[in-house]
Protein backbone atom coordinates (compact mmCIF):
# COMPACT_ATOMS: atom_id res chain seq x y z
CA UNK A 1 -12.40 -7.26 26.58
CA UNK A 2 -15.88 -7.65 27.96
CA UNK A 3 -17.99 -4.72 29.18
CA UNK A 4 -18.03 -6.22 32.66
CA UNK A 5 -14.19 -6.33 32.75
CA UNK A 6 -13.93 -2.81 31.43
CA UNK A 7 -16.32 -1.47 34.12
CA UNK A 8 -14.32 -3.32 36.84
CA UNK A 9 -11.04 -1.83 35.55
CA UNK A 10 -12.48 1.65 35.39
CA UNK A 11 -13.72 1.29 38.96
CA UNK A 12 -10.29 0.10 40.09
CA UNK A 13 -8.70 3.11 38.38
CA UNK A 14 -11.20 5.49 40.01
CA UNK A 15 -10.65 4.07 43.48
CA UNK A 16 -6.88 4.10 42.98
CA UNK A 17 -7.01 7.74 41.83
CA UNK A 18 -9.07 8.76 44.89
CA UNK A 19 -6.84 6.77 47.25
CA UNK A 20 -3.60 8.09 45.88
CA UNK A 21 -4.95 11.67 45.68
CA UNK A 22 -5.76 11.40 49.37
CA UNK A 23 -2.29 10.02 50.05
CA UNK A 24 -0.81 13.01 48.16
CA UNK A 25 -3.00 15.38 50.03
CA UNK A 26 -2.24 13.90 53.42
CA UNK A 27 1.51 14.07 52.74
CA UNK A 28 1.30 17.45 51.01
CA UNK A 29 -0.08 19.34 53.96
CA UNK A 30 2.85 18.30 56.07
CA UNK A 31 6.00 17.99 53.92
CA UNK A 32 6.35 21.66 52.95
CA UNK A 33 6.67 22.48 56.67
CA UNK A 34 9.06 19.66 57.44
CA UNK A 35 12.05 22.03 57.65
CA UNK A 36 10.23 24.00 60.36
CA UNK A 37 9.77 20.75 62.23
CA UNK A 38 13.52 19.97 62.08
CA UNK A 39 14.27 23.52 63.19
CA UNK A 40 11.83 23.26 66.13
CA UNK A 41 13.70 20.29 67.63
CA UNK A 42 16.98 22.16 67.35
CA UNK A 43 18.19 20.90 63.96
CA UNK A 44 19.90 22.93 61.30
CA UNK A 45 20.09 22.86 57.52
CA UNK A 46 22.80 20.16 57.50
CA UNK A 47 20.64 17.82 59.67
CA UNK A 48 17.67 18.51 57.46
CA UNK A 49 19.82 17.55 54.45
CA UNK A 50 21.01 14.35 56.20
CA UNK A 51 17.39 13.47 57.13
CA UNK A 52 16.10 14.02 53.62
CA UNK A 53 19.15 12.16 52.21
CA UNK A 54 18.46 9.15 54.43
CA UNK A 55 14.87 9.10 53.19
CA UNK A 56 15.99 9.24 49.54
CA UNK A 57 18.83 6.71 49.86
CA UNK A 58 16.66 4.19 51.70
CA UNK A 59 13.97 4.60 49.15
CA UNK A 60 16.41 4.24 46.27
CA UNK A 61 17.84 1.08 47.78
CA UNK A 62 14.44 -0.55 48.23
CA UNK A 63 12.61 0.44 45.04
CA UNK A 64 13.80 -2.57 43.04
CA UNK A 65 13.11 -5.01 45.88
CA UNK A 66 9.54 -3.76 46.40
CA UNK A 67 8.92 -3.82 42.68
CA UNK A 68 10.07 -7.37 42.42
CA UNK A 69 8.18 -8.42 45.52
CA UNK A 70 4.98 -6.77 44.26
CA UNK A 71 5.16 -8.93 41.19
CA UNK A 72 5.12 -11.94 43.47
CA UNK A 73 2.78 -10.92 46.29
CA UNK A 74 0.55 -8.24 44.74
CA UNK A 75 0.85 -4.52 44.61
CA UNK A 76 -2.15 -3.55 46.69
CA UNK A 77 -0.78 -5.15 49.90
CA UNK A 78 2.36 -3.03 49.63
CA UNK A 79 0.33 0.11 48.99
CA UNK A 80 -1.84 -0.63 51.99
CA UNK A 81 1.20 -1.19 54.22
CA UNK A 82 2.69 2.04 52.88
CA UNK A 83 -0.47 4.16 53.53
CA UNK A 84 -1.09 2.80 57.02
CA UNK A 85 2.61 2.60 57.95
CA UNK A 86 3.14 6.21 56.93
CA UNK A 87 0.01 7.14 58.83
CA UNK A 88 1.51 5.56 61.99
CA UNK A 89 4.86 7.30 61.40
CA UNK A 90 3.11 10.65 61.21
CA UNK A 91 1.69 9.95 64.70
CA UNK A 92 5.27 9.43 65.92
CA UNK A 93 6.69 12.71 64.59
CA UNK A 94 5.15 14.93 67.31
CA UNK A 95 6.83 12.72 69.95
CA UNK A 96 10.33 13.41 68.48
CA UNK A 97 12.76 15.22 70.72
CA UNK A 98 16.15 14.60 69.06
CA UNK A 99 17.50 14.60 65.54
CA UNK A 100 18.48 10.89 65.63
CA UNK A 101 14.76 10.11 66.08
CA UNK A 102 14.07 12.13 62.92
CA UNK A 103 16.76 10.11 61.12
CA UNK A 104 15.20 6.81 62.19
CA UNK A 105 11.75 7.98 61.07
CA UNK A 106 13.15 9.16 57.79
CA UNK A 107 14.63 5.72 57.07
CA UNK A 108 11.23 4.17 57.77
CA UNK A 109 9.56 6.82 55.63
CA UNK A 110 11.99 6.00 52.80
CA UNK A 111 10.92 2.34 52.96
CA UNK A 112 7.27 3.26 52.86
CA UNK A 113 7.93 5.81 50.11
CA UNK A 114 9.64 3.12 47.99
CA UNK A 115 6.65 0.84 48.53
CA UNK A 116 4.25 3.57 47.54
CA UNK A 117 5.98 4.93 44.43
CA UNK A 118 6.99 1.64 42.92
CA UNK A 119 3.78 -0.27 43.61
CA UNK A 120 1.57 2.72 42.64
CA UNK A 121 3.13 2.79 39.14
CA UNK A 122 2.95 -0.98 38.73
CA UNK A 123 -0.67 -1.13 39.91
CA UNK A 124 -1.55 1.78 37.66
CA UNK A 125 -0.20 -0.23 34.72
CA UNK A 126 -2.27 -3.17 35.90
CA UNK A 127 -5.59 -1.25 36.07
CA UNK A 128 -5.26 0.82 32.90
CA UNK A 129 -6.57 -0.31 29.57
CA UNK A 130 -4.08 -1.39 26.92
CA UNK A 131 -4.21 1.00 24.06
CA UNK A 132 -5.38 3.82 26.35
CA UNK A 133 -2.74 3.63 29.09
CA UNK A 134 -1.03 6.94 28.17
CA UNK A 135 -4.39 8.77 28.26
CA UNK A 136 -5.53 7.15 31.54
CA UNK A 137 -2.17 7.61 33.26
CA UNK A 138 -2.09 11.22 32.08
CA UNK A 139 -5.57 11.80 33.53
CA UNK A 140 -4.52 10.06 36.73
CA UNK A 141 -1.51 12.39 37.13
CA UNK A 142 -3.61 15.50 36.51
CA UNK A 143 -5.75 14.44 39.48
CA UNK A 144 -2.76 13.80 41.65
CA UNK A 145 -1.10 17.07 40.69
CA UNK A 146 -4.23 19.01 41.47
CA UNK A 147 -4.44 17.39 44.92
CA UNK A 148 -0.80 18.11 45.50
CA UNK A 149 -1.20 21.79 44.76
CA UNK A 150 -4.38 22.05 46.89
CA UNK A 151 -2.56 20.25 49.71
CA UNK A 152 0.32 22.74 49.81
CA UNK A 153 -2.11 25.72 49.71
CA UNK A 154 -4.31 24.10 52.42
CA UNK A 155 -1.26 23.30 54.53
CA UNK A 156 -0.27 26.98 54.37
CA UNK A 157 -3.69 28.04 55.71
CA UNK A 158 -3.80 25.21 58.28
CA UNK A 159 -0.33 25.87 59.71
CA UNK A 160 -1.62 29.30 60.75
CA UNK A 161 -4.56 27.77 62.56
CA UNK A 162 -2.93 24.73 64.06
CA UNK A 163 0.42 23.56 65.43
CA UNK A 164 2.73 21.42 63.37
CA UNK A 165 1.83 18.46 65.64
CA UNK A 166 -1.81 18.85 64.69
CA UNK A 167 -0.78 18.93 61.01
CA UNK A 168 0.92 15.56 61.43
CA UNK A 169 -2.24 14.21 63.08
CA UNK A 170 -4.46 15.50 60.24
CA UNK A 171 -2.09 14.03 57.72
CA UNK A 172 -2.11 10.70 59.54
CA UNK A 173 -5.90 10.56 59.43
CA UNK A 174 -5.97 11.34 55.73
CA UNK A 175 -3.33 8.72 54.97
CA UNK A 176 -5.36 6.16 56.98
CA UNK A 177 -8.47 7.02 54.94
CA UNK A 178 -6.46 6.70 51.68
CA UNK A 179 -5.61 3.14 52.72
CA UNK A 180 -9.34 2.38 53.27
CA UNK A 181 -10.11 3.73 49.81
CA UNK A 182 -7.25 1.64 48.37
CA UNK A 183 -8.75 -1.44 49.97
CA UNK A 184 -11.66 -0.99 47.52
CA UNK A 185 -9.37 -1.42 44.47
CA UNK A 186 -10.09 -4.73 42.91
CA UNK A 187 -7.45 -5.86 40.46
CA UNK A 188 -8.83 -8.04 37.61
């Protein structure tokens, strides 16, 4: 491997880590308070379970398809669609007035979640160096875990300062920025 290729791969990994850390942060400041959101529109624990189940089942159903499609069309495009699509969905949540709207948004979130999780892992394998993948993926997940923890803590402080609607708007902006960062990832 040439030095130029190695520098390009390290740059791609760095931008990917920043992007996905932002994605984790943007989602992490909202998701711990999602149950409160369902309660605020009149939902109960059963409806929360159904909403979360719809997200999970939709995601599970689409993981294989997005993985296969990313082999054909590229992983970055699916990650961009996921980041910006989730950003738009976060803007829709404050407009929700009924549980069926939550269900519809959760199905869409499941699709974007499948894109993100599957293509993130595949792209991560693409941009890590053979022979050092375990180390690089481990370091990558340390960064994501730190951002996830910081997001939950920050969300706890922010929820006392802002309404849940504002939290969705902040999360949306952060997810949009994560997509812009991801656009800088150049796959060799």
